[in-house]
C-alpha atoms as a PDB file:
ATOM      1  CA  MET A   1       9.664  24.562 -49.742  1.00  0.00           C
ATOM      2  CA  ALA A   2       9.104  26.934 -46.848  1.00  0.00           C
ATOM      3  CA  ASP A   3       5.455  25.839 -46.672  1.00  0.00           C
ATOM      4  CA  LEU A   4       6.508  22.180 -46.404  1.00  0.00           C
ATOM      5  CA  LYS A   5       8.864  23.023 -43.554  1.00  0.00           C
ATOM      6  CA  ALA A   6       6.092  24.919 -41.773  1.00  0.00           C
ATOM      7  CA  VAL A   7       3.695  21.963 -42.147  1.00  0.00           C
ATOM      8  CA  HIS A   8       6.373  19.571 -40.872  1.00  0.00           C
ATOM      9  CA  GLN A   9       7.045  21.820 -37.879  1.00  0.00           C
ATOM     10  CA  THR A  10       3.319  22.073 -37.134  1.00  0.00           C
ATOM     11  CA  VAL A  11       2.933  18.282 -37.228  1.00  0.00           C
ATOM     12  CA  ASN A  12       5.890  17.897 -34.862  1.00  0.00           C
ATOM     13  CA  ASP A  13       4.430  20.476 -32.476  1.00  0.00           C
ATOM     14  CA  LEU A  14       1.073  18.700 -32.454  1.00  0.00           C
ATOM     15  CA  GLY A  15       2.788  15.393 -31.832  1.00  0.00           C
ATOM     16  CA  HIS A  16       4.716  16.774 -28.863  1.00  0.00           C
ATOM     17  CA  ARG A  17       1.584  18.366 -27.456  1.00  0.00           C
ATOM     18  CA  SER A  18      -0.337  15.130 -27.840  1.00  0.00           C
ATOM     19  CA  GLU A  19       2.426  13.189 -26.097  1.00  0.00           C
ATOM     20  CA  ALA A  20       2.558  15.764 -23.291  1.00  0.00           C
ATOM     21  CA  SER A  21      -1.234  15.577 -22.964  1.00  0.00           C
ATOM     22  CA  VAL A  22      -1.166  11.778 -22.662  1.00  0.00           C
ATOM     23  CA  LYS A  23       1.548  11.989 -20.010  1.00  0.00           C
ATOM     24  CA  ALA A  24      -0.437  14.599 -18.085  1.00  0.00           C
ATOM     25  CA  VAL A  25      -3.571  12.431 -18.121  1.00  0.00           C
ATOM     26  CA  TRP A  26      -1.556   9.408 -16.986  1.00  0.00           C
ATOM     27  CA  ARG A  27      -0.053  11.427 -14.123  1.00  0.00           C
ATOM     28  CA  GLU A  28      -3.510  12.478 -13.000  1.00  0.00           C
ATOM     29  CA  LEU A  29      -4.919   8.965 -13.192  1.00  0.00           C
ATOM     30  CA  SER A  30      -1.887   7.600 -11.334  1.00  0.00           C
ATOM     31  CA  SER A  31      -2.434  10.185  -8.622  1.00  0.00           C
ATOM     32  CA  VAL A  32      -6.139   9.407  -8.269  1.00  0.00           C
ATOM     33  CA  VAL A  33      -5.666   5.636  -7.904  1.00  0.00           C
ATOM     34  CA  LYS A  34      -2.407   6.055  -5.938  1.00  0.00           C
ATOM     35  CA  ILE A  35      -0.412   3.857  -8.287  1.00  0.00           C
ATOM     36  CA  GLY A  36       2.487   3.562  -5.832  1.00  0.00           C
ATOM     37  CA  ILE A  37       0.204   1.972  -3.232  1.00  0.00           C
ATOM     38  CA  VAL A  38      -1.285  -0.324  -5.870  1.00  0.00           C
ATOM     39  CA  ASN A  39       2.163  -1.507  -7.006  1.00  0.00           C
ATOM     40  CA  SER A  40       3.499  -2.153  -3.502  1.00  0.00           C
ATOM     41  CA  ASN A  41       0.353  -4.070  -2.543  1.00  0.00           C
ATOM     42  CA  LEU A  42       0.591  -6.200  -5.671  1.00  0.00           C
ATOM     43  CA  ILE A  43       4.022  -7.370  -4.486  1.00  0.00           C
ATOM     44  CA  THR A  44       2.495  -8.721  -1.278  1.00  0.00           C
ATOM     45  CA  THR A  45      -0.510 -10.115  -3.169  1.00  0.00           C
ATOM     46  CA  PHE A  46       1.780 -12.028  -5.504  1.00  0.00           C
ATOM     47  CA  ALA A  47       3.895 -13.293  -2.608  1.00  0.00           C
ATOM     48  CA  GLY A  48       0.800 -14.620  -0.831  1.00  0.00           C
ATOM     49  CA  MET A  49      -0.339 -16.363  -4.008  1.00  0.00           C
ATOM     50  CA  TRP A  50       3.113 -17.786  -4.714  1.00  0.00           C
ATOM     51  CA  LEU A  51       3.363 -19.226  -1.200  1.00  0.00           C
ATOM     52  CA  ALA A  52      -0.098 -20.758  -1.607  1.00  0.00           C
ATOM     53  CA  PHE A  53       1.094 -22.585  -4.724  1.00  0.00           C
ATOM     54  CA  TYR A  54       4.213 -23.700  -2.851  1.00  0.00           C
ATOM     55  CA  PHE A  55       2.514 -24.989   0.286  1.00  0.00           C
ATOM     56  CA  THR A  56      -0.427 -26.632  -1.490  1.00  0.00           C
ATOM     57  CA  GLY A  57       1.728 -28.302  -4.130  1.00  0.00           C
ATOM     58  CA  GLU A  58      -0.071 -26.621  -7.012  1.00  0.00           C
ATOM     59  CA  HIS A  59       1.888 -25.575 -10.124  1.00  0.00           C
ATOM     60  CA  PHE A  60       2.210 -21.884 -10.915  1.00  0.00           C
ATOM     61  CA  LEU A  61       2.267 -22.254 -14.719  1.00  0.00           C
ATOM     62  CA  GLU A  62      -0.782 -24.505 -14.694  1.00  0.00           C
ATOM     63  CA  ASN A  63      -2.804 -21.850 -12.863  1.00  0.00           C
ATOM     64  CA  LEU A  64      -1.950 -18.686 -14.737  1.00  0.00           C
ATOM     65  CA  HIS A  65      -5.641 -17.864 -15.011  1.00  0.00           C
ATOM     66  CA  LEU A  66      -5.795 -17.615 -11.211  1.00  0.00           C
ATOM     67  CA  VAL A  67      -2.698 -15.417 -11.220  1.00  0.00           C
ATOM     68  CA  PHE A  68      -4.246 -13.048 -13.741  1.00  0.00           C
ATOM     69  CA  PHE A  69      -7.661 -12.761 -12.109  1.00  0.00           C
ATOM     70  CA  ALA A  70      -6.175 -12.414  -8.608  1.00  0.00           C
ATOM     71  CA  LEU A  71      -3.655  -9.698  -9.512  1.00  0.00           C
ATOM     72  CA  PHE A  72      -6.054  -7.886 -11.840  1.00  0.00           C
ATOM     73  CA  GLY A  73      -8.862  -8.018  -9.284  1.00  0.00           C
ATOM     74  CA  ALA A  74      -6.689  -6.970  -6.343  1.00  0.00           C
ATOM     75  CA  ALA A  75      -5.219  -4.083  -8.351  1.00  0.00           C
ATOM     76  CA  LEU A  76      -8.661  -2.760  -9.298  1.00  0.00           C
ATOM     77  CA  VAL A  77     -10.120  -3.094  -5.792  1.00  0.00           C
ATOM     78  CA  ILE A  78      -7.136  -1.249  -4.320  1.00  0.00           C
ATOM     79  CA  ALA A  79      -7.149   1.398  -7.066  1.00  0.00           C
ATOM     80  CA  GLY A  80     -10.906   1.910  -6.720  1.00  0.00           C
ATOM     81  CA  SER A  81     -10.671   2.227  -2.943  1.00  0.00           C
ATOM     82  CA  CYS A  82      -7.919   4.831  -3.324  1.00  0.00           C
ATOM     83  CA  ALA A  83     -10.014   6.781  -5.840  1.00  0.00           C
ATOM     84  CA  ILE A  84     -12.940   6.836  -3.402  1.00  0.00           C
ATOM     85  CA  ASN A  85     -10.539   7.948  -0.678  1.00  0.00           C
ATOM     86  CA  ASN A  86      -9.410  10.811  -2.934  1.00  0.00           C
ATOM     87  CA  TYR A  87     -13.009  11.876  -3.424  1.00  0.00           C
ATOM     88  CA  ILE A  88     -13.735  11.880   0.315  1.00  0.00           C
ATOM     89  CA  ASP A  89     -10.502  13.610   1.351  1.00  0.00           C
ATOM     90  CA  ARG A  90     -10.495  16.334  -1.292  1.00  0.00           C
ATOM     91  CA  ASP A  91     -11.343  18.972   1.332  1.00  0.00           C
ATOM     92  CA  ILE A  92      -8.349  18.205   3.556  1.00  0.00           C
ATOM     93  CA  ASP A  93      -5.865  17.166   0.858  1.00  0.00           C
ATOM     94  CA  ARG A  94      -5.433  20.832  -0.093  1.00  0.00           C
ATOM     95  CA  TYR A  95      -3.591  21.453   3.191  1.00  0.00           C
ATOM     96  CA  MET A  96      -0.862  18.869   2.622  1.00  0.00           C
ATOM     97  CA  GLU A  97       2.135  19.343   0.364  1.00  0.00           C
ATOM     98  CA  ARG A  98       2.100  15.795  -1.009  1.00  0.00           C
ATOM     99  CA  THR A  99      -1.638  15.787  -1.756  1.00  0.00           C
ATOM    100  CA  LYS A 100      -2.530  19.379  -2.698  1.00  0.00           C
ATOM    101  CA  THR A 101      -1.863  18.782  -6.411  1.00  0.00           C
ATOM    102  CA  ARG A 102      -4.209  15.815  -6.715  1.00  0.00           C
ATOM    103  CA  PRO A 103      -6.782  16.256  -9.515  1.00  0.00           C
ATOM    104  CA  THR A 104      -9.642  16.096  -7.002  1.00  0.00           C
ATOM    105  CA  VAL A 105      -8.118  19.116  -5.241  1.00  0.00           C
ATOM    106  CA  THR A 106      -7.099  21.179  -8.259  1.00  0.00           C
ATOM    107  CA  GLY A 107     -10.355  20.447 -10.069  1.00  0.00           C
ATOM    108  CA  THR A 108      -8.738  19.051 -13.216  1.00  0.00           C
ATOM    109  CA  MET A 109     -10.872  15.950 -12.734  1.00  0.00           C
ATOM    110  CA  ASP A 110     -14.527  16.077 -11.754  1.00  0.00           C
ATOM    111  CA  ALA A 111     -14.877  14.770  -8.190  1.00  0.00           C
ATOM    112  CA  ARG A 112     -18.103  12.871  -8.858  1.00  0.00           C
ATOM    113  CA  ARG A 113     -16.561  11.135 -11.846  1.00  0.00           C
ATOM    114  CA  VAL A 114     -13.663  10.067  -9.650  1.00  0.00           C
ATOM    115  CA  LEU A 115     -16.142   8.652  -7.125  1.00  0.00           C
ATOM    116  CA  TRP A 116     -18.084   6.677  -9.737  1.00  0.00           C
ATOM    117  CA  ALA A 117     -14.872   5.517 -11.383  1.00  0.00           C
ATOM    118  CA  GLY A 118     -13.680   4.251  -7.994  1.00  0.00           C
ATOM    119  CA  ILE A 119     -16.939   2.373  -7.403  1.00  0.00           C
ATOM    120  CA  ALA A 120     -16.738   0.867 -10.893  1.00  0.00           C
ATOM    121  CA  LEU A 121     -13.129  -0.246 -10.350  1.00  0.00           C
ATOM    122  CA  VAL A 122     -14.034  -1.927  -7.066  1.00  0.00           C
ATOM    123  CA  PHE A 123     -17.002  -3.694  -8.694  1.00  0.00           C
ATOM    124  CA  ILE A 124     -14.960  -4.979 -11.651  1.00  0.00           C
ATOM    125  CA  GLY A 125     -12.157  -5.978  -9.281  1.00  0.00           C
ATOM    126  CA  GLU A 126     -14.559  -7.967  -7.121  1.00  0.00           C
ATOM    127  CA  MET A 127     -15.939  -9.731 -10.208  1.00  0.00           C
ATOM    128  CA  SER A 128     -12.372 -10.639 -11.177  1.00  0.00           C
ATOM    129  CA  LEU A 129     -11.649 -12.018  -7.704  1.00  0.00           C
ATOM    130  CA  LEU A 130     -14.837 -14.095  -7.912  1.00  0.00           C
ATOM    131  CA  MET A 131     -13.231 -15.835 -10.885  1.00  0.00           C
ATOM    132  CA  THR A 132     -10.756 -17.293  -8.386  1.00  0.00           C
ATOM    133  CA  THR A 133     -12.611 -18.066  -5.153  1.00  0.00           C
ATOM    134  CA  VAL A 134     -15.498 -16.558  -3.206  1.00  0.00           C
ATOM    135  CA  THR A 135     -13.184 -16.248  -0.207  1.00  0.00           C
ATOM    136  CA  ALA A 136     -10.760 -14.028  -2.129  1.00  0.00           C
ATOM    137  CA  ALA A 137     -13.631 -11.743  -3.163  1.00  0.00           C
ATOM    138  CA  ILE A 138     -14.877 -11.518   0.441  1.00  0.00           C
ATOM    139  CA  VAL A 139     -11.380 -10.711   1.716  1.00  0.00           C
ATOM    140  CA  GLY A 140     -11.031  -8.017  -0.950  1.00  0.00           C
ATOM    141  CA  LEU A 141     -14.393  -6.538   0.049  1.00  0.00           C
ATOM    142  CA  ILE A 142     -13.348  -6.516   3.718  1.00  0.00           C
ATOM    143  CA  GLY A 143     -10.232  -4.571   2.763  1.00  0.00           C
ATOM    144  CA  MET A 144     -12.243  -2.013   0.788  1.00  0.00           C
ATOM    145  CA  VAL A 145     -14.877  -1.531   3.511  1.00  0.00           C
ATOM    146  CA  THR A 146     -12.198  -1.133   6.179  1.00  0.00           C
ATOM    147  CA  TYR A 147     -10.244   1.410   4.150  1.00  0.00           C
ATOM    148  CA  VAL A 148     -13.151   3.497   2.885  1.00  0.00           C
ATOM    149  CA  PHE A 149     -15.610   3.369   5.760  1.00  0.00           C
ATOM    150  CA  LEU A 150     -13.762   2.477   8.976  1.00  0.00           C
ATOM    151  CA  TYR A 151     -10.582   4.413   8.132  1.00  0.00           C
ATOM    152  CA  THR A 152     -11.324   7.248   5.685  1.00  0.00           C
ATOM    153  CA  LEU A 153     -14.864   8.161   6.744  1.00  0.00           C
ATOM    154  CA  TRP A 154     -14.644   7.420  10.465  1.00  0.00           C
ATOM    155  CA  THR A 155     -11.354   7.153  12.352  1.00  0.00           C
ATOM    156  CA  LYS A 156      -8.997   9.204  10.162  1.00  0.00           C
ATOM    157  CA  ARG A 157     -10.555  12.529  11.151  1.00  0.00           C
ATOM    158  CA  HIS A 158     -11.443  11.716  14.742  1.00  0.00           C
ATOM    159  CA  TYR A 159      -9.074   9.279  16.466  1.00  0.00           C
ATOM    160  CA  THR A 160      -5.334   8.657  16.772  1.00  0.00           C
ATOM    161  CA  VAL A 161      -5.997   4.934  16.280  1.00  0.00           C
ATOM    162  CA  ASN A 162      -6.735   5.708  12.621  1.00  0.00           C
ATOM    163  CA  THR A 163      -3.331   4.277  11.702  1.00  0.00           C
ATOM    164  CA  ILE A 164      -4.152   0.958  13.372  1.00  0.00           C
ATOM    165  CA  VAL A 165      -7.571   0.721  11.730  1.00  0.00           C
ATOM    166  CA  GLY A 166      -6.063   1.531   8.344  1.00  0.00           C
ATOM    167  CA  SER A 167      -3.504  -1.211   8.882  1.00  0.00           C
ATOM    168  CA  ILE A 168      -6.241  -3.827   8.598  1.00  0.00           C
ATOM    169  CA  SER A 169      -6.937  -2.968   4.969  1.00  0.00           C
ATOM    170  CA  GLY A 170      -3.225  -2.778   4.211  1.00  0.00           C
ATOM    171  CA  ALA A 171      -2.730  -6.287   5.586  1.00  0.00           C
ATOM    172  CA  VAL A 172      -5.367  -7.823   3.306  1.00  0.00           C
ATOM    173  CA  PRO A 173      -3.506  -8.104  -0.076  1.00  0.00           C
ATOM    174  CA  PRO A 174      -1.334 -11.168   0.731  1.00  0.00           C
ATOM    175  CA  VAL A 175      -4.435 -12.887   2.093  1.00  0.00           C
ATOM    176  CA  ILE A 176      -6.243 -12.139  -1.176  1.00  0.00           C
ATOM    177  CA  GLY A 177      -3.351 -13.744  -3.025  1.00  0.00           C
ATOM    178  CA  TRP A 178      -3.396 -16.859  -0.856  1.00  0.00           C
ATOM    179  CA  THR A 179      -7.165 -17.367  -0.809  1.00  0.00           C
ATOM    180  CA  ALA A 180      -7.314 -16.977  -4.597  1.00  0.00           C
ATOM    181  CA  VAL A 181      -5.443 -20.295  -4.690  1.00  0.00           C
ATOM    182  CA  ASP A 182      -6.499 -21.958  -1.441  1.00  0.00           C
ATOM    183  CA  PRO A 183      -9.677 -20.732   0.290  1.00  0.00           C
ATOM    184  CA  ASN A 184      -9.128 -23.009   3.294  1.00  0.00           C
ATOM    185  CA  PHE A 185      -7.599 -21.845   6.578  1.00  0.00           C
ATOM    186  CA  HIS A 186      -3.813 -22.017   6.803  1.00  0.00           C
ATOM    187  CA  VAL A 187      -1.370 -20.476   9.265  1.00  0.00           C
ATOM    188  CA  VAL A 188       0.792 -18.899   6.519  1.00  0.00           C
ATOM    189  CA  PRO A 189      -1.720 -16.270   5.292  1.00  0.00           C
ATOM    190  CA  LEU A 190      -2.478 -15.476   8.929  1.00  0.00           C
ATOM    191  CA  VAL A 191       1.221 -14.802   9.551  1.00  0.00           C
ATOM    192  CA  LEU A 192       1.440 -12.711   6.374  1.00  0.00           C
ATOM    193  CA  PHE A 193      -1.545 -10.687   7.567  1.00  0.00           C
ATOM    194  CA  PHE A 194       0.049  -9.974  10.939  1.00  0.00           C
ATOM    195  CA  ILE A 195       3.399  -9.071   9.365  1.00  0.00           C
ATOM    196  CA  MET A 196       1.668  -6.489   7.191  1.00  0.00           C
ATOM    197  CA  PHE A 197      -0.548  -5.331  10.046  1.00  0.00           C
ATOM    198  CA  LEU A 198       2.389  -4.759  12.404  1.00  0.00           C
ATOM    199  CA  TRP A 199       4.570  -3.200   9.689  1.00  0.00           C
ATOM    200  CA  GLN A 200       2.175  -0.375   8.900  1.00  0.00           C
ATOM    201  CA  PRO A 201       1.972   1.602  12.185  1.00  0.00           C
ATOM    202  CA  PRO A 202       5.747   2.247  12.387  1.00  0.00           C
ATOM    203  CA  HIS A 203       5.799   2.994   8.655  1.00  0.00           C
ATOM    204  CA  PHE A 204       2.951   5.517   8.725  1.00  0.00           C
ATOM    205  CA  LEU A 205       3.794   6.991  12.128  1.00  0.00           C
ATOM    206  CA  ALA A 206       7.280   7.797  10.815  1.00  0.00           C
ATOM    207  CA  LEU A 207       5.607   9.504   7.852  1.00  0.00           C
ATOM    208  CA  ALA A 208       3.266  11.320  10.237  1.00  0.00           C
ATOM    209  CA  MET A 209       6.263  12.680  12.131  1.00  0.00           C
ATOM    210  CA  LYS A 210       7.792  13.953   8.883  1.00  0.00           C
ATOM    211  CA  ARG A 211       4.509  15.590   7.852  1.00  0.00           C
ATOM    212  CA  CYS A 212       3.363  16.540  11.343  1.00  0.00           C
ATOM    213  CA  GLU A 213       2.615  20.197  10.631  1.00  0.00           C
ATOM    214  CA  GLU A 214       0.743  19.338   7.449  1.00  0.00           C
ATOM    215  CA  TYR A 215      -1.471  16.881   9.317  1.00  0.00           C
ATOM    216  CA  ARG A 216      -2.002  19.541  11.986  1.00  0.00           C
ATOM    217  CA  ALA A 217      -3.063  22.075   9.358  1.00  0.00           C
ATOM    218  CA  ALA A 218      -5.451  19.550   7.829  1.00  0.00           C
ATOM    219  CA  GLY A 219      -6.955  18.768  11.236  1.00  0.00           C
ATOM    220  CA  ILE A 220      -6.045  15.082  11.123  1.00  0.00           C
ATOM    221  CA  PRO A 221      -5.393  13.721  14.652  1.00  0.00           C
ATOM    222  CA  MET A 222      -2.290  11.678  13.916  1.00  0.00           C
ATOM    223  CA  LEU A 223      -0.437  10.454  16.993  1.00  0.00           C
ATOM    224  CA  PRO A 224       2.508  12.902  16.766  1.00  0.00           C
ATOM    225  CA  VAL A 225       0.070  15.789  16.277  1.00  0.00           C
ATOM    226  CA  VAL A 226      -1.983  14.955  19.371  1.00  0.00           C
ATOM    227  CA  HIS A 227       0.580  13.415  21.740  1.00  0.00           C
ATOM    228  CA  GLY A 228       3.944  14.569  20.432  1.00  0.00           C
ATOM    229  CA  PHE A 229       7.088  12.897  19.123  1.00  0.00           C
ATOM    230  CA  ALA A 230       8.237  11.187  22.348  1.00  0.00           C
ATOM    231  CA  ILE A 231       5.162   8.965  22.664  1.00  0.00           C
ATOM    232  CA  THR A 232       5.141   8.355  18.903  1.00  0.00           C
ATOM    233  CA  LYS A 233       8.744   7.138  18.970  1.00  0.00           C
ATOM    234  CA  ARG A 234       7.994   4.742  21.816  1.00  0.00           C
ATOM    235  CA  GLN A 235       5.000   3.321  19.998  1.00  0.00           C
ATOM    236  CA  ILE A 236       6.989   2.901  16.778  1.00  0.00           C
ATOM    237  CA  VAL A 237       9.629   0.866  18.611  1.00  0.00           C
ATOM    238  CA  VAL A 238       6.993  -1.323  20.288  1.00  0.00           C
ATOM    239  CA  TRP A 239       5.316  -2.094  16.950  1.00  0.00           C
ATOM    240  CA  VAL A 240       8.675  -2.986  15.382  1.00  0.00           C
ATOM    241  CA  ALA A 241       9.562  -5.235  18.334  1.00  0.00           C
ATOM    242  CA  CYS A 242       6.293  -7.139  17.846  1.00  0.00           C
ATOM    243  CA  LEU A 243       7.537  -8.246  14.412  1.00  0.00           C
ATOM    244  CA  LEU A 244      10.478 -10.189  15.853  1.00  0.00           C
ATOM    245  CA  PRO A 245       8.808 -13.597  16.425  1.00  0.00           C
ATOM    246  CA  LEU A 246       6.660 -13.702  13.274  1.00  0.00           C
ATOM    247  CA  PRO A 247       9.264 -15.018  10.747  1.00  0.00           C
ATOM    248  CA  PHE A 248       9.741 -18.116  12.901  1.00  0.00           C
ATOM    249  CA  TYR A 249       6.186 -19.186  12.096  1.00  0.00           C
ATOM    250  CA  LEU A 250       7.449 -19.482   8.516  1.00  0.00           C
ATOM    251  CA  PHE A 251      10.303 -21.796   9.532  1.00  0.00           C
ATOM    252  CA  SER A 252       9.457 -24.174   6.670  1.00  0.00           C
ATOM    253  CA  LEU A 253      10.839 -21.571   4.249  1.00  0.00           C
ATOM    254  CA  GLY A 254      14.284 -22.435   5.543  1.00  0.00           C
ATOM    255  CA  VAL A 255      17.154 -21.023   7.563  1.00  0.00           C
ATOM    256  CA  PRO A 256      18.292 -18.482   4.916  1.00  0.00           C
ATOM    257  CA  PHE A 257      14.886 -16.814   4.953  1.00  0.00           C
ATOM    258  CA  LEU A 258      14.702 -16.821   8.750  1.00  0.00           C
ATOM    259  CA  THR A 259      18.166 -15.270   8.858  1.00  0.00           C
ATOM    260  CA  VAL A 260      17.290 -12.496   6.409  1.00  0.00           C
ATOM    261  CA  ALA A 261      13.950 -11.766   8.093  1.00  0.00           C
ATOM    262  CA  THR A 262      15.458 -11.712  11.588  1.00  0.00           C
ATOM    263  CA  LEU A 263      18.319  -9.439  10.530  1.00  0.00           C
ATOM    264  CA  LEU A 264      15.796  -7.075   8.944  1.00  0.00           C
ATOM    265  CA  ASN A 265      13.766  -7.011  12.159  1.00  0.00           C
ATOM    266  CA  ILE A 266      16.792  -6.503  14.391  1.00  0.00           C
ATOM    267  CA  GLY A 267      18.159  -3.779  12.120  1.00  0.00           C
ATOM    268  CA  TRP A 268      14.838  -1.927  12.205  1.00  0.00           C
ATOM    269  CA  LEU A 269      14.605  -2.305  15.992  1.00  0.00           C
ATOM    270  CA  LEU A 270      18.150  -1.014  16.528  1.00  0.00           C
ATOM    271  CA  LEU A 271      17.443   1.957  14.289  1.00  0.00           C
ATOM    272  CA  GLY A 272      14.283   2.573  16.275  1.00  0.00           C
ATOM    273  CA  LEU A 273      16.120   2.456  19.602  1.00  0.00           C
ATOM    274  CA  ALA A 274      18.734   4.846  18.231  1.00  0.00           C
ATOM    275  CA  GLY A 275      15.968   7.389  17.923  1.00  0.00           C
ATOM    276  CA  PHE A 276      15.892   7.836  21.695  1.00  0.00           C
ATOM    277  CA  LYS A 277      19.401   9.304  21.544  1.00  0.00           C
ATOM    278  CA  MET A 278      19.118  11.270  18.316  1.00  0.00           C
ATOM    279  CA  LYS A 279      18.294  14.955  18.703  1.00  0.00           C
ATOM    280  CA  ASP A 280      16.959  15.361  15.168  1.00  0.00           C
ATOM    281  CA  ASP A 281      13.585  13.591  15.329  1.00  0.00           C
ATOM    282  CA  LEU A 282      12.671  14.405  11.737  1.00  0.00           C
ATOM    283  CA  LYS A 283      15.917  12.949  10.414  1.00  0.00           C
ATOM    284  CA  TRP A 284      15.310   9.779  12.422  1.00  0.00           C
ATOM    285  CA  ALA A 285      11.724   9.588  11.144  1.00  0.00           C
ATOM    286  CA  LYS A 286      13.011   9.829   7.569  1.00  0.00           C
ATOM    287  CA  TRP A 287      15.461   6.971   8.166  1.00  0.00           C
ATOM    288  CA  MET A 288      12.725   4.826   9.725  1.00  0.00           C
ATOM    289  CA  PHE A 289      10.390   5.535   6.821  1.00  0.00           C
ATOM    290  CA  VAL A 290      12.993   4.645   4.173  1.00  0.00           C
ATOM    291  CA  TYR A 291      13.991   1.504   6.100  1.00  0.00           C
ATOM    292  CA  SER A 292      10.361   0.391   6.278  1.00  0.00           C
ATOM    293  CA  LEU A 293       9.993   0.616   2.490  1.00  0.00           C
ATOM    294  CA  ASN A 294      13.103  -1.454   1.880  1.00  0.00           C
ATOM    295  CA  TYR A 295      12.112  -3.866   4.649  1.00  0.00           C
ATOM    296  CA  LEU A 296       8.807  -4.719   3.019  1.00  0.00           C
ATOM    297  CA  THR A 297      10.247  -5.258  -0.453  1.00  0.00           C
ATOM    298  CA  ILE A 298      13.212  -7.362   0.704  1.00  0.00           C
ATOM    299  CA  LEU A 299      11.130  -9.481   3.083  1.00  0.00           C
ATOM    300  CA  PHE A 300       8.442 -10.461   0.576  1.00  0.00           C
ATOM    301  CA  VAL A 301      10.908 -11.002  -2.263  1.00  0.00           C
ATOM    302  CA  ALA A 302      12.919 -13.208   0.117  1.00  0.00           C
ATOM    303  CA  MET A 303       9.791 -15.305   0.752  1.00  0.00           C
ATOM    304  CA  VAL A 304       9.490 -16.040  -2.958  1.00  0.00           C
ATOM    305  CA  ILE A 305      13.214 -16.725  -3.419  1.00  0.00           C
ATOM    306  CA  ALA A 306      13.209 -19.077  -0.411  1.00  0.00           C
ATOM    307  CA  THR A 307      10.834 -21.434  -2.235  1.00  0.00           C
ATOM    308  CA  LEU A 308      13.196 -21.712  -5.219  1.00  0.00           C
ATOM    309  CA  TRP A 309      16.111 -23.301  -3.369  1.00  0.00           C
END
């Protein structure tokens, strides 16, 4: 009887260890491909695709194959690009609190395998996007090249404009979604691109203020590191102000959407202006960062909801 209990206990222990091992592997993979970035970009990809169906008169349920290949392809291209970024930045990631536990830094995953896995993910993702339109695949490739080569390998370590260059790749996902349905030029994907492009500098500059000393230790010339908080705060407010007119180019989505989008923009701008009076710059940066996350989610969800009225 005692032997049976011992066997049962051993089986349970092995099961728990196996489950813990699976969770650990998943955490490492999620870290390498930056699953949070992938998920947030898929929201904008889906919104761009949904609006393409809406404005072109195509039916969503009749084109589920496009939905699958577009989302699957975009997810893999983004994940692969992030994996390559992890490989390249493994020498400086060790100096930052939020990145020092990445598998490419700790050595729990072989760096070269991460690189080849990233390349493979990008390749498979591009093949998936080709199942929609050639334009979508080209847009996806532009995003990858911008992120890996122009941002990670070039500007990130040398120039304060790295945030602006990186914003190009971050603005690509909704365009991928649109062009997967309609490869022809339309003003809507252009507006979506500029919304995402203008949203990113204030978002990442607020993060750079919060992590200023970490970026300094890593030798990354972020704006607050090189020029200080005062100039960074002014630039953040200017970028936010530039968002104000963009929702009006989407007037066909209706007054409710324009109202929500404008209130979001005004709220962000007022919070930005309040930073000139606040003495605690880091607290203000945290508020701006959190607001930017909620802004993006609410705005793009509102675009989808606006088409359902």
